[in-house]
Amino acid sequence: MAKRIMIQGTMSNAGKSLICAGLCRIFHQDGYKAAPFKSQNMALNSFITDDGLEMGRAQVVQAEAAKIRPRVEMNPILLKPTNDTGSQVIVNGKVWQDMSARDYFACKRRLVPQILEAYGKLEKEYDLIVIEGAGSPAEINLKENDIVNMGLAKMLDAPVLLVGDIDRGGVFAQLLGTLMLLEPEEKERVKGLIINKFRGDKTILDPGIQMLEERCQVPVLGVTPYLNVDIEDEDSLTERFRKTGSGGKIDIAVIRTPRISNFTDFLALEHLEEVTLRYVEHPGQLKRPDMILLPGTKNTMGDLKWMRENGLEAAILKEADQGTVIFGICGGYQMLGEELRDPDKVEEGGTMRGMGLLPLETVFTKEKTRTRVSGRFCHVDGALKSLEGKELEGYEIHMGVTRKRDGQEEQAAMSQMKDQVSGRTSMDGYSRGNVYGSYIHGIFDREGVAEEIAESLAKKKGVSLKEIKNKSLKDWKEEQYDLLADALREHLDMKAIYQILEEEE
């Protein structure tokens, strides 16, 4: 039976995901075969596994840190919010149904067998399982039928480390208050506390730590610093959206729509030394970028309506008319067409005019496309023509089919690809002038693609870039996971954590 440890937090964004990723890398470095597990995740950043199943990216990051392939058992339930009160519920990598928050809360216990089955498969194959909770275990309105925090810890008989976020203030109240709201048997599961995101002189904190331990009767196993590591974070609370930097020779603006998903598509561009990548929510922020990126979204029609109402669509169309490079991915690609039709009310229902930058129409369907692909760019027009022939790889996750409008020219498909799940070959995307669109998430990740885009934009702008000697995205990630592990080793009592693991056998 695999050893197990669970990381819970006093609130969302306390740092659970990052701590889990760091522990996964440490355990791997120490010779253990470790795997992450989160019974239920709520996120719009998702991933397609090698067998065509959908899971949250947080557990993908943790699997990468553990140097293992992501698999859907690591995240058997994924909730993808479609509006403020409902989500698409994905179970074992496949769409189960769209549900309101109230309806899901009423029936989620039905999913316990799937959770235990997924965990059981991992338990048979790995030495250590690093389990992540969600939100806070002290949300007393949600404790009934809990399947992701203390309820899960009880099901799996897992010891718990509780993480508090000192950067947002009140960390002692967070930790003590959380423990006070737990049932006695739940509190008994908490074997250690972690104070996370600390900046400053720890000696000033020491008296408070002593008083906390006296009141809680639970040891503090570490005070981890605010880490400057560049690792994917949870989508809804990411600090990337607040970036408004400037100074790079190449300026790229990402439209931050209300239901933005898979902004991880742009990390390869963000890492380029002379590129500034920023997120834009209203026309005044757009300015005159060299490229505008329309990201994926869980609600294409709703987010296009939002852009139309706040003036961003008009601003983008003006930029396109002046020759600015526009690139849409997934939902952003769908927006670029002439018409969106939703006969089955998958999203908003009815028919909606698109942005009209590509001669395409999208019809939303109830069946979700989920697959991994590889291939190469072809028929690339305009400023990014130098991408032709370059290899690409990534994955598709979308509801809907996009095709050329009747009477329009033949589709100038931007890439030729092979479905890695079925083996079928097909064409994807569209290129016309300086407007580009594709369904492929991760299309910029293959080594050399982001660099070629930056060089092309620089040539169009009439500026020169330094010779780009960036590490590949994969090598960059590996370096960041090692830095994270080094920091946690320095600031956590790993000897005590290993002792907790041994005691729970």
Protein backbone atom coordinates (compact mmCIF):
# COMPACT_ATOMS: atom_id res chain seq x y z
CA MET A 1 0.00 0.00 0.00
CA ALA A 2 1.31 3.44 -0.90
CA LYS A 3 2.18 5.91 1.82
CA ARG A 4 0.14 9.07 1.64
CA ILE A 5 0.11 12.63 2.87
CA MET A 6 -2.54 15.30 2.33
CA ILE A 7 -2.00 19.04 1.95
CA GLN A 8 -4.96 21.21 2.95
CA GLY A 9 -5.14 24.99 3.14
CA THR A 10 -6.82 27.61 5.26
CA MET A 11 -8.23 29.20 2.08
CA SER A 12 -7.99 29.12 -1.69
CA ASN A 13 -4.57 30.17 -2.99
CA ALA A 14 -2.82 29.43 0.28
CA GLY A 15 -0.22 27.58 -1.77
CA LYS A 16 -1.43 23.98 -1.60
CA SER A 17 -0.74 23.20 -5.26
CA LEU A 18 2.81 24.55 -5.13
CA ILE A 19 3.62 22.70 -1.89
CA CYS A 20 2.28 19.47 -3.44
CA ALA A 21 4.39 19.97 -6.57
CA GLY A 22 7.50 20.62 -4.48
CA LEU A 23 6.91 17.51 -2.37
CA CYS A 24 6.40 15.44 -5.52
CA ARG A 25 9.80 16.60 -6.80
CA ILE A 26 11.49 15.99 -3.43
CA PHE A 27 10.09 12.47 -3.15
CA HIS A 28 11.22 11.75 -6.71
CA GLN A 29 14.71 13.05 -5.93
CA ASP A 30 14.79 10.83 -2.83
CA GLY A 31 14.12 7.72 -4.91
CA TYR A 32 10.37 7.30 -4.41
CA LYS A 33 7.83 6.77 -7.16
CA ALA A 34 5.35 9.50 -6.19
CA ALA A 35 2.05 10.61 -7.72
CA PRO A 36 -0.36 13.52 -7.07
CA PHE A 37 -4.07 13.13 -6.37
CA LYS A 38 -6.94 15.62 -6.08
CA SER A 39 -10.39 14.10 -5.94
CA GLN A 40 -12.17 17.24 -7.19
CA ASN A 41 -10.70 20.27 -8.88
CA MET A 42 -12.47 23.42 -10.09
CA ALA A 43 -10.51 25.04 -12.91
CA LEU A 44 -10.74 26.23 -16.49
CA ASN A 45 -7.13 25.26 -17.20
CA SER A 46 -7.36 21.65 -18.29
CA PHE A 47 -5.25 19.09 -20.13
CA ILE A 48 -5.76 16.07 -22.36
CA THR A 49 -3.93 12.88 -21.41
CA ASP A 50 -2.31 10.44 -23.83
CA ASP A 51 -5.54 8.42 -23.92
CA GLY A 52 -7.74 11.43 -24.71
CA LEU A 53 -9.14 12.16 -21.24
CA GLU A 54 -9.49 15.59 -19.60
CA MET A 55 -8.03 16.57 -16.22
CA GLY A 56 -7.01 19.72 -14.33
CA ARG A 57 -3.60 21.21 -15.10
CA ALA A 58 -2.62 21.56 -11.42
CA GLN A 59 -2.21 17.78 -11.18
CA VAL A 60 -0.40 17.80 -14.55
CA VAL A 61 2.16 20.19 -13.04
CA GLN A 62 2.52 17.94 -9.99
CA ALA A 63 2.95 14.87 -12.21
CA GLU A 64 5.65 16.70 -14.18
CA ALA A 65 7.36 17.53 -10.89
CA ALA A 66 7.26 13.83 -9.98
CA LYS A 67 8.58 13.01 -13.49
CA ILE A 68 5.65 10.81 -14.41
CA ARG A 69 3.05 11.00 -17.18
CA PRO A 70 -0.23 12.72 -16.21
CA ARG A 71 -3.21 10.37 -16.02
CA VAL A 72 -6.85 11.04 -15.31
CA GLU A 73 -6.86 9.03 -12.07
CA MET A 74 -4.88 11.90 -10.54
CA ASN A 75 -7.96 14.15 -10.87
CA PRO A 76 -11.13 12.04 -11.29
CA ILE A 77 -13.57 14.98 -10.94
CA LEU A 78 -13.06 18.30 -12.73
CA LEU A 79 -15.55 21.17 -12.49
CA LYS A 80 -15.31 23.74 -15.30
CA PRO A 81 -17.45 26.79 -14.45
CA THR A 82 -19.77 27.86 -17.27
CA ASN A 83 -21.30 30.77 -15.33
CA ASP A 84 -21.38 32.11 -11.77
CA THR A 85 -23.67 29.33 -10.50
CA GLY A 86 -22.98 26.28 -12.66
CA SER A 87 -20.27 24.05 -14.09
CA GLN A 88 -19.61 21.36 -16.61
CA VAL A 89 -18.90 18.26 -14.50
CA ILE A 90 -16.19 15.98 -15.90
CA VAL A 91 -15.85 12.53 -14.35
CA ASN A 92 -12.91 10.27 -15.19
CA GLY A 93 -11.95 12.57 -18.04
CA LYS A 94 -15.34 12.65 -19.80
CA VAL A 95 -18.24 15.09 -19.63
CA TRP A 96 -20.87 13.84 -17.21
CA GLN A 97 -23.34 16.73 -17.34
CA ASP A 98 -23.78 20.48 -16.80
CA MET A 99 -25.08 21.18 -13.30
CA SER A 100 -25.91 24.06 -11.01
CA ALA A 101 -23.82 24.34 -7.86
CA ARG A 102 -26.85 23.33 -5.76
CA ASP A 103 -27.60 20.24 -7.85
CA TYR A 104 -23.98 19.12 -7.78
CA PHE A 105 -23.76 19.60 -4.03
CA ALA A 106 -26.85 17.43 -3.60
CA CYS A 107 -25.51 14.50 -5.63
CA LYS A 108 -21.72 14.59 -5.37
CA ARG A 109 -21.58 11.72 -2.86
CA ARG A 110 -22.63 9.49 -5.75
CA LEU A 111 -19.12 10.03 -7.14
CA VAL A 112 -17.31 8.56 -4.13
CA PRO A 113 -16.90 5.12 -5.81
CA GLN A 114 -15.18 6.75 -8.79
CA ILE A 115 -12.87 8.70 -6.45
CA LEU A 116 -11.90 5.59 -4.50
CA GLU A 117 -11.42 3.55 -7.67
CA ALA A 118 -9.11 6.19 -9.15
CA TYR A 119 -7.09 6.45 -5.93
CA GLY A 120 -6.92 2.66 -5.67
CA LYS A 121 -5.29 2.40 -9.10
CA LEU A 122 -2.62 4.91 -8.14
CA GLU A 123 -2.09 3.28 -4.77
CA LYS A 124 -1.17 0.00 -6.45
CA GLU A 125 1.45 1.56 -8.72
CA TYR A 126 3.18 4.22 -6.63
CA ASP A 127 5.17 4.38 -3.38
CA LEU A 128 3.80 7.74 -2.26
CA ILE A 129 0.62 9.69 -3.00
CA VAL A 130 0.58 13.46 -2.42
CA ILE A 131 -3.07 14.43 -1.96
CA GLU A 132 -4.32 18.00 -2.40
CA GLY A 133 -7.42 19.42 -0.78
CA ALA A 134 -9.54 22.28 -2.16
CA GLY A 135 -10.43 25.61 -0.60
CA SER A 136 -10.63 25.19 3.17
CA PRO A 137 -11.69 22.25 5.38
CA ALA A 138 -13.40 24.74 7.70
CA GLU A 139 -16.14 25.79 5.28
CA ILE A 140 -18.82 24.58 7.66
CA ASN A 141 -21.63 25.07 5.12
CA LEU A 142 -19.93 22.55 2.81
CA LYS A 143 -18.66 19.99 5.31
CA GLU A 144 -21.68 17.74 4.90
CA ASN A 145 -20.88 15.12 2.27
CA ASP A 146 -17.35 16.52 1.80
CA ILE A 147 -15.35 14.55 -0.77
CA VAL A 148 -12.25 16.72 -1.15
CA ASN A 149 -10.96 17.86 2.28
CA MET A 150 -11.43 16.13 5.65
CA GLY A 151 -14.08 13.84 4.21
CA LEU A 152 -11.51 12.53 1.73
CA ALA A 153 -8.79 12.37 4.40
CA LYS A 154 -11.07 10.12 6.43
CA MET A 155 -11.89 7.92 3.43
CA LEU A 156 -8.20 7.46 2.64
CA ASP A 157 -7.00 7.52 6.27
CA ALA A 158 -4.51 10.25 5.34
CA PRO A 159 -2.45 12.49 7.67
CA VAL A 160 -2.86 16.19 6.92
CA LEU A 161 -0.51 19.18 6.75
CA LEU A 162 -2.38 22.49 6.99
CA VAL A 163 -1.00 25.45 5.00
CA GLY A 164 -1.70 29.10 5.88
CA ASP A 165 -0.93 32.17 3.74
CA ILE A 166 0.91 34.85 5.73
CA ASP A 167 1.18 37.17 2.72
CA ARG A 168 -2.53 38.00 2.93
CA GLY A 169 -2.30 38.61 6.68
CA GLY A 170 -3.83 36.97 9.72
CA VAL A 171 -2.03 33.65 9.35
CA PHE A 172 -2.28 32.78 13.06
CA ALA A 173 -6.04 33.37 12.97
CA GLN A 174 -6.25 31.35 9.76
CA LEU A 175 -4.53 28.32 11.23
CA LEU A 176 -6.01 28.45 14.75
CA GLY A 177 -9.49 29.30 13.48
CA THR A 178 -9.44 26.45 10.98
CA LEU A 179 -8.44 23.95 13.66
CA MET A 180 -11.14 25.26 16.04
CA LEU A 181 -13.82 24.64 13.40
CA LEU A 182 -12.75 21.03 12.85
CA GLU A 183 -14.33 18.08 14.61
CA PRO A 184 -12.03 16.44 17.22
CA GLU A 185 -11.30 13.44 14.97
CA GLU A 186 -10.57 15.80 12.06
CA LYS A 187 -8.18 17.91 14.12
CA GLU A 188 -6.44 14.71 15.16
CA ARG A 189 -5.54 14.13 11.51
CA VAL A 190 -3.63 17.42 11.30
CA LYS A 191 -0.01 16.44 12.01
CA GLY A 192 1.68 19.70 11.14
CA LEU A 193 1.24 23.35 10.11
CA ILE A 194 3.04 25.26 7.36
CA ILE A 195 3.23 29.05 7.23
CA ASN A 196 3.56 29.92 3.54
CA LYS A 197 4.61 32.99 1.48
CA PHE A 198 6.67 34.66 4.22
CA ARG A 199 8.70 37.78 3.47
CA GLY A 200 11.09 39.19 6.06
CA ASP A 201 13.05 38.18 9.15
CA LYS A 202 11.77 34.89 10.55
CA THR A 203 13.09 35.63 14.04
CA ILE A 204 10.38 38.26 14.39
CA LEU A 205 7.83 35.52 13.71
CA ASP A 206 9.24 32.99 16.18
CA PRO A 207 7.35 34.16 19.31
CA GLY A 208 4.07 33.93 17.41
CA ILE A 209 4.94 30.42 16.21
CA GLN A 210 5.62 29.35 19.80
CA MET A 211 2.26 30.71 20.98
CA LEU A 212 0.48 29.11 18.01
CA GLU A 213 1.95 25.69 18.80
CA GLU A 214 0.97 26.04 22.45
CA ARG A 215 -2.63 26.87 21.56
CA CYS A 216 -3.02 24.40 18.73
CA GLN A 217 -0.94 21.56 20.12
CA VAL A 218 0.17 20.97 16.52
CA PRO A 219 3.80 21.60 15.45
CA VAL A 220 4.77 24.16 12.82
CA LEU A 221 6.85 22.17 10.32
CA GLY A 222 8.13 25.10 8.35
CA VAL A 223 7.92 28.73 7.31
CA THR A 224 8.30 28.80 3.55
CA PRO A 225 9.27 32.05 1.81
CA TYR A 226 7.43 33.85 -0.96
CA LEU A 227 9.07 31.85 -3.73
CA ASN A 228 10.21 33.38 -7.00
CA VAL A 229 9.67 30.24 -9.03
CA ASP A 230 7.81 30.34 -12.33
CA ILE A 231 5.39 27.42 -12.09
CA GLU A 232 1.85 27.24 -13.43
CA ASP A 233 -0.69 28.40 -10.86
CA GLU A 234 -4.43 28.02 -10.41
CA ASP A 235 -6.26 29.90 -13.16
CA SER A 236 -8.80 31.97 -11.21
CA LEU A 237 -6.27 33.41 -8.77
CA THR A 238 -3.13 33.72 -10.88
CA GLU A 239 -1.00 36.82 -10.49
CA ARG A 240 -0.18 36.67 -14.21
CA PHE A 241 -3.42 38.49 -14.97
CA ARG A 242 -2.15 41.52 -13.07
CA LYS A 243 0.96 41.87 -15.20
CA THR A 244 1.00 45.21 -16.99
CA GLY A 245 4.74 45.31 -17.69
CA SER A 246 6.37 47.09 -20.57
CA GLY A 247 9.86 47.52 -21.96
CA GLY A 248 10.13 44.51 -24.24
CA LYS A 249 10.80 45.22 -27.88
CA ILE A 250 7.81 43.03 -28.73
CA ASP A 251 4.48 43.77 -27.03
CA ILE A 252 1.85 41.00 -26.92
CA ALA A 253 -1.63 41.59 -25.47
CA VAL A 254 -3.80 38.69 -24.28
CA ILE A 255 -7.52 39.43 -23.99
CA ARG A 256 -8.58 38.41 -20.51
CA THR A 257 -12.18 37.34 -20.97
CA PRO A 258 -14.39 36.44 -17.98
CA ARG A 259 -14.21 32.69 -18.76
CA ILE A 260 -10.61 32.58 -19.98
CA SER A 261 -9.18 29.06 -20.04
CA ASN A 262 -5.77 27.53 -20.67
CA PHE A 263 -3.79 30.77 -20.49
CA THR A 264 -0.87 28.35 -20.09
CA ASP A 265 -0.85 28.35 -23.92
CA PHE A 266 1.14 31.59 -23.74
CA LEU A 267 3.92 30.63 -21.30
CA ALA A 268 6.38 29.90 -24.12
CA LEU A 269 5.96 33.47 -25.40
CA GLU A 270 6.02 34.96 -21.92
CA HIS A 271 9.45 33.43 -21.22
CA LEU A 272 11.13 35.13 -24.19
CA GLU A 273 13.58 37.75 -22.93
CA GLU A 274 12.60 40.68 -25.17
CA VAL A 275 8.85 39.97 -25.22
CA THR A 276 6.34 41.68 -22.92
CA LEU A 277 3.15 39.65 -22.53
CA ARG A 278 0.29 41.33 -20.66
CA TYR A 279 -3.43 40.74 -20.03
CA VAL A 280 -6.04 43.25 -21.16
CA GLU A 281 -9.62 43.69 -19.87
CA HIS A 282 -10.77 46.94 -21.48
CA PRO A 283 -9.94 49.01 -24.60
CA GLY A 284 -7.87 51.58 -22.74
CA GLN A 285 -5.34 48.90 -21.82
CA LEU A 286 -4.92 47.58 -25.37
CA LYS A 287 -2.74 50.39 -26.79
CA ARG A 288 -0.81 49.34 -29.94
CA PRO A 289 0.48 45.80 -29.42
CA ASP A 290 2.46 43.85 -32.00
CA MET A 291 0.19 40.83 -31.54
CA ILE A 292 -3.21 40.26 -29.92
CA LEU A 293 -4.02 36.81 -28.55
CA LEU A 294 -7.61 35.63 -28.12
CA PRO A 295 -7.46 32.75 -25.61
CA GLY A 296 -9.62 29.75 -25.01
CA THR A 297 -12.83 30.22 -23.05
CA LYS A 298 -15.48 28.03 -21.44
CA ASN A 299 -18.17 30.29 -22.94
CA THR A 300 -17.28 31.57 -26.41
CA MET A 301 -20.59 33.30 -27.07
CA GLY A 302 -20.80 34.87 -23.61
CA ASP A 303 -17.23 36.15 -23.73
CA LEU A 304 -17.66 37.53 -27.27
CA LYS A 305 -20.77 39.35 -26.07
CA TRP A 306 -18.72 40.77 -23.18
CA MET A 307 -16.03 41.98 -25.60
CA ARG A 308 -18.70 43.51 -27.82
CA GLU A 309 -20.33 45.38 -24.95
CA ASN A 310 -17.15 46.77 -23.39
CA GLY A 311 -15.61 47.93 -26.68
CA LEU A 312 -12.74 45.45 -26.93
CA GLU A 313 -14.11 43.82 -30.08
CA ALA A 314 -14.19 47.17 -31.90
CA ALA A 315 -10.65 47.95 -30.72
CA ILE A 316 -9.37 44.56 -31.93
CA LEU A 317 -11.07 44.97 -35.30
CA LYS A 318 -9.42 48.37 -35.68
CA GLU A 319 -6.03 46.85 -34.90
CA ALA A 320 -6.64 44.03 -37.38
CA ASP A 321 -7.53 46.57 -40.06
CA GLN A 322 -4.19 48.29 -39.42
CA GLY A 323 -2.25 45.04 -39.86
CA THR A 324 -1.72 43.97 -36.25
CA VAL A 325 -1.26 40.21 -35.91
CA ILE A 326 -4.34 38.55 -34.36
CA PHE A 327 -4.13 34.93 -33.17
CA GLY A 328 -7.07 33.03 -31.67
CA ILE A 329 -6.88 29.66 -29.93
CA CYS A 330 -9.87 27.36 -29.38
CA GLY A 331 -12.70 29.67 -28.23
CA GLY A 332 -10.71 32.64 -29.51
CA TYR A 333 -10.47 30.90 -32.89
CA GLN A 334 -14.24 30.38 -32.91
CA MET A 335 -14.80 34.09 -32.22
CA LEU A 336 -12.76 35.10 -35.28
CA GLY A 337 -15.27 33.54 -37.69
CA GLU A 338 -18.39 35.05 -39.21
CA GLU A 339 -21.07 33.15 -37.31
CA LEU A 340 -21.59 31.10 -34.15
CA ARG A 341 -24.58 28.74 -34.00
CA ASP A 342 -25.77 26.91 -30.90
CA PRO A 343 -28.88 24.88 -31.79
CA ASP A 344 -28.61 22.58 -28.76
CA LYS A 345 -28.00 25.36 -26.21
CA VAL A 346 -24.54 24.07 -25.34
CA GLU A 347 -23.62 27.66 -24.45
CA GLU A 348 -25.98 30.63 -24.93
CA GLY A 349 -28.26 29.10 -27.57
CA GLY A 350 -29.33 30.67 -30.87
CA THR A 351 -27.13 32.31 -33.48
CA MET A 352 -24.56 35.06 -33.00
CA ARG A 353 -22.46 37.14 -35.35
CA GLY A 354 -18.73 36.49 -35.05
CA MET A 355 -15.93 39.02 -35.42
CA GLY A 356 -15.81 38.37 -39.17
CA LEU A 357 -12.02 38.20 -39.49
CA LEU A 358 -12.02 34.67 -40.90
CA PRO A 359 -14.53 33.14 -43.39
CA LEU A 360 -15.68 30.45 -40.95
CA GLU A 361 -18.72 29.34 -39.00
CA THR A 362 -18.86 27.34 -35.78
CA VAL A 363 -21.70 25.04 -34.78
CA PHE A 364 -21.64 24.02 -31.12
CA THR A 365 -22.31 20.35 -30.42
CA LYS A 366 -23.01 18.37 -27.26
CA GLU A 367 -20.08 16.03 -27.92
CA LYS A 368 -16.73 17.33 -26.69
CA THR A 369 -13.58 16.89 -28.79
CA ARG A 370 -10.72 15.63 -26.62
CA THR A 371 -7.48 14.54 -28.20
CA ARG A 372 -3.73 15.02 -28.42
CA VAL A 373 -2.24 15.96 -31.78
CA SER A 374 1.11 16.48 -33.48
CA GLY A 375 1.97 17.82 -36.92
CA ARG A 376 3.39 20.84 -38.68
CA PHE A 377 2.42 24.31 -39.82
CA CYS A 378 1.36 24.71 -43.44
CA HIS A 379 -0.31 27.41 -45.58
CA VAL A 380 0.67 30.16 -43.13
CA ASP A 381 0.01 33.62 -44.55
CA GLY A 382 1.18 37.10 -43.65
CA ALA A 383 3.67 38.12 -40.96
CA LEU A 384 4.01 34.60 -39.51
CA LYS A 385 4.69 32.89 -42.84
CA SER A 386 8.09 31.71 -41.57
CA LEU A 387 6.25 29.21 -39.34
CA GLU A 388 5.53 27.06 -42.40
CA GLY A 389 7.07 23.62 -42.03
CA LYS A 390 7.75 23.93 -38.30
CA GLU A 391 6.60 21.04 -36.13
CA LEU A 392 3.91 21.49 -33.50
CA GLU A 393 2.12 19.45 -30.88
CA GLY A 394 -0.61 19.97 -28.34
CA TYR A 395 -4.17 18.99 -27.54
CA GLU A 396 -7.76 19.88 -28.39
CA ILE A 397 -10.62 20.43 -25.94
CA HIS A 398 -13.72 22.03 -27.42
CA MET A 399 -17.46 21.78 -27.94
CA GLY A 400 -18.18 22.56 -31.58
CA VAL A 401 -17.11 22.17 -35.19
CA THR A 402 -15.58 25.01 -37.21
CA ARG A 403 -15.72 25.01 -41.02
CA LYS A 404 -15.63 27.38 -43.99
CA ARG A 405 -18.79 29.28 -44.87
CA ASP A 406 -20.73 28.20 -47.96
CA GLY A 407 -19.50 30.04 -51.03
CA GLN A 408 -16.19 31.06 -49.47
CA GLU A 409 -12.75 30.05 -50.69
CA GLU A 410 -11.35 26.66 -49.68
CA GLN A 411 -10.09 26.62 -46.13
CA ALA A 412 -6.47 27.73 -45.89
CA ALA A 413 -5.74 25.25 -43.11
CA MET A 414 -2.87 26.43 -40.96
CA SER A 415 -1.64 23.04 -39.79
CA GLN A 416 -1.64 19.40 -40.79
CA MET A 417 -1.85 17.12 -37.82
CA LYS A 418 -2.18 13.54 -36.63
CA ASP A 419 -4.55 12.53 -33.86
CA GLN A 420 -2.32 10.70 -31.37
CA VAL A 421 -5.30 8.85 -29.90
CA SER A 422 -7.05 7.58 -33.06
CA GLY A 423 -4.15 7.88 -35.53
CA ARG A 424 -6.29 9.83 -38.02
CA THR A 425 -4.82 12.77 -39.94
CA SER A 426 -6.68 16.03 -40.48
CA MET A 427 -6.24 19.76 -41.05
CA ASP A 428 -6.66 22.45 -38.40
CA GLY A 429 -6.96 26.18 -38.19
CA TYR A 430 -7.06 29.01 -40.67
CA SER A 431 -4.72 31.74 -41.84
CA ARG A 432 -5.73 34.84 -43.78
CA GLY A 433 -3.59 37.97 -43.95
CA ASN A 434 -2.35 38.65 -40.43
CA VAL A 435 -5.21 36.79 -38.74
CA TYR A 436 -4.65 33.24 -37.49
CA GLY A 437 -6.73 30.70 -35.63
CA SER A 438 -6.30 27.17 -34.31
CA TYR A 439 -7.98 24.70 -31.97
CA ILE A 440 -4.62 23.43 -30.69
CA HIS A 441 -3.73 24.24 -27.09
CA GLY A 442 0.04 24.32 -26.62
CA ILE A 443 0.61 25.33 -30.26
CA PHE A 444 3.48 27.66 -29.23
CA ASP A 445 5.19 25.17 -26.91
CA ARG A 446 7.29 23.17 -29.39
CA GLU A 447 10.89 24.37 -29.33
CA GLY A 448 11.50 27.15 -31.86
CA VAL A 449 7.86 28.14 -32.49
CA ALA A 450 7.61 31.01 -29.97
CA GLU A 451 11.07 32.21 -30.98
CA GLU A 452 10.08 32.27 -34.66
CA ILE A 453 6.96 34.28 -33.85
CA ALA A 454 9.01 36.83 -31.90
CA GLU A 455 11.52 37.13 -34.76
CA SER A 456 8.69 37.54 -37.29
CA LEU A 457 7.02 40.26 -35.22
CA ALA A 458 10.37 42.03 -34.82
CA LYS A 459 10.96 41.93 -38.58
CA LYS A 460 7.48 43.33 -39.22
CA LYS A 461 8.13 46.09 -36.68
CA GLY A 462 11.58 46.88 -38.05
CA VAL A 463 13.52 46.11 -34.88
CA SER A 464 16.18 43.52 -34.13
CA LEU A 465 16.25 41.12 -31.21
CA LYS A 466 19.20 39.67 -29.39
CA GLU A 467 20.05 36.16 -30.44
CA ILE A 468 17.44 34.08 -28.66
CA LYS A 469 19.12 31.47 -26.50
CA ASN A 470 16.17 30.51 -24.33
CA LYS A 471 15.94 27.15 -22.69
CA SER A 472 13.17 24.98 -24.06
CA LEU A 473 9.92 25.24 -22.11
CA LYS A 474 10.49 21.70 -20.83
CA ASP A 475 14.00 22.50 -19.58
CA TRP A 476 12.74 25.74 -18.02
CA LYS A 477 10.06 23.83 -16.12
CA GLU A 478 12.57 21.25 -14.88
CA GLU A 479 14.78 24.01 -13.54
CA GLN A 480 11.83 25.62 -11.73
CA TYR A 481 10.74 22.31 -10.14
CA ASP A 482 14.28 21.79 -8.83
CA LEU A 483 14.39 25.34 -7.44
CA LEU A 484 11.05 24.72 -5.71
CA ALA A 485 12.29 21.47 -4.20
CA ASP A 486 15.50 23.11 -3.00
CA ALA A 487 13.52 25.89 -1.28
CA LEU A 488 11.14 23.47 0.44
CA ARG A 489 14.01 21.29 1.63
CA GLU A 490 15.59 24.37 3.19
CA HIS A 491 12.47 25.65 4.93
CA LEU A 492 10.41 22.53 5.74
CA ASP A 493 11.22 19.90 8.35
CA MET A 494 11.43 17.03 5.86
CA LYS A 495 12.64 14.64 8.57
CA ALA A 496 9.38 15.24 10.45
CA ILE A 497 7.34 14.83 7.26
CA TYR A 498 8.99 11.48 6.52
CA GLN A 499 8.32 10.45 10.12
CA ILE A 500 4.62 11.28 9.68
CA LEU A 501 4.59 9.09 6.56
CA GLU A 502 6.19 6.19 8.42
CA GLU A 503 3.83 6.49 11.39
CA GLU A 504 0.77 6.27 9.13
CA GLU A 505 1.69 2.94 7.56
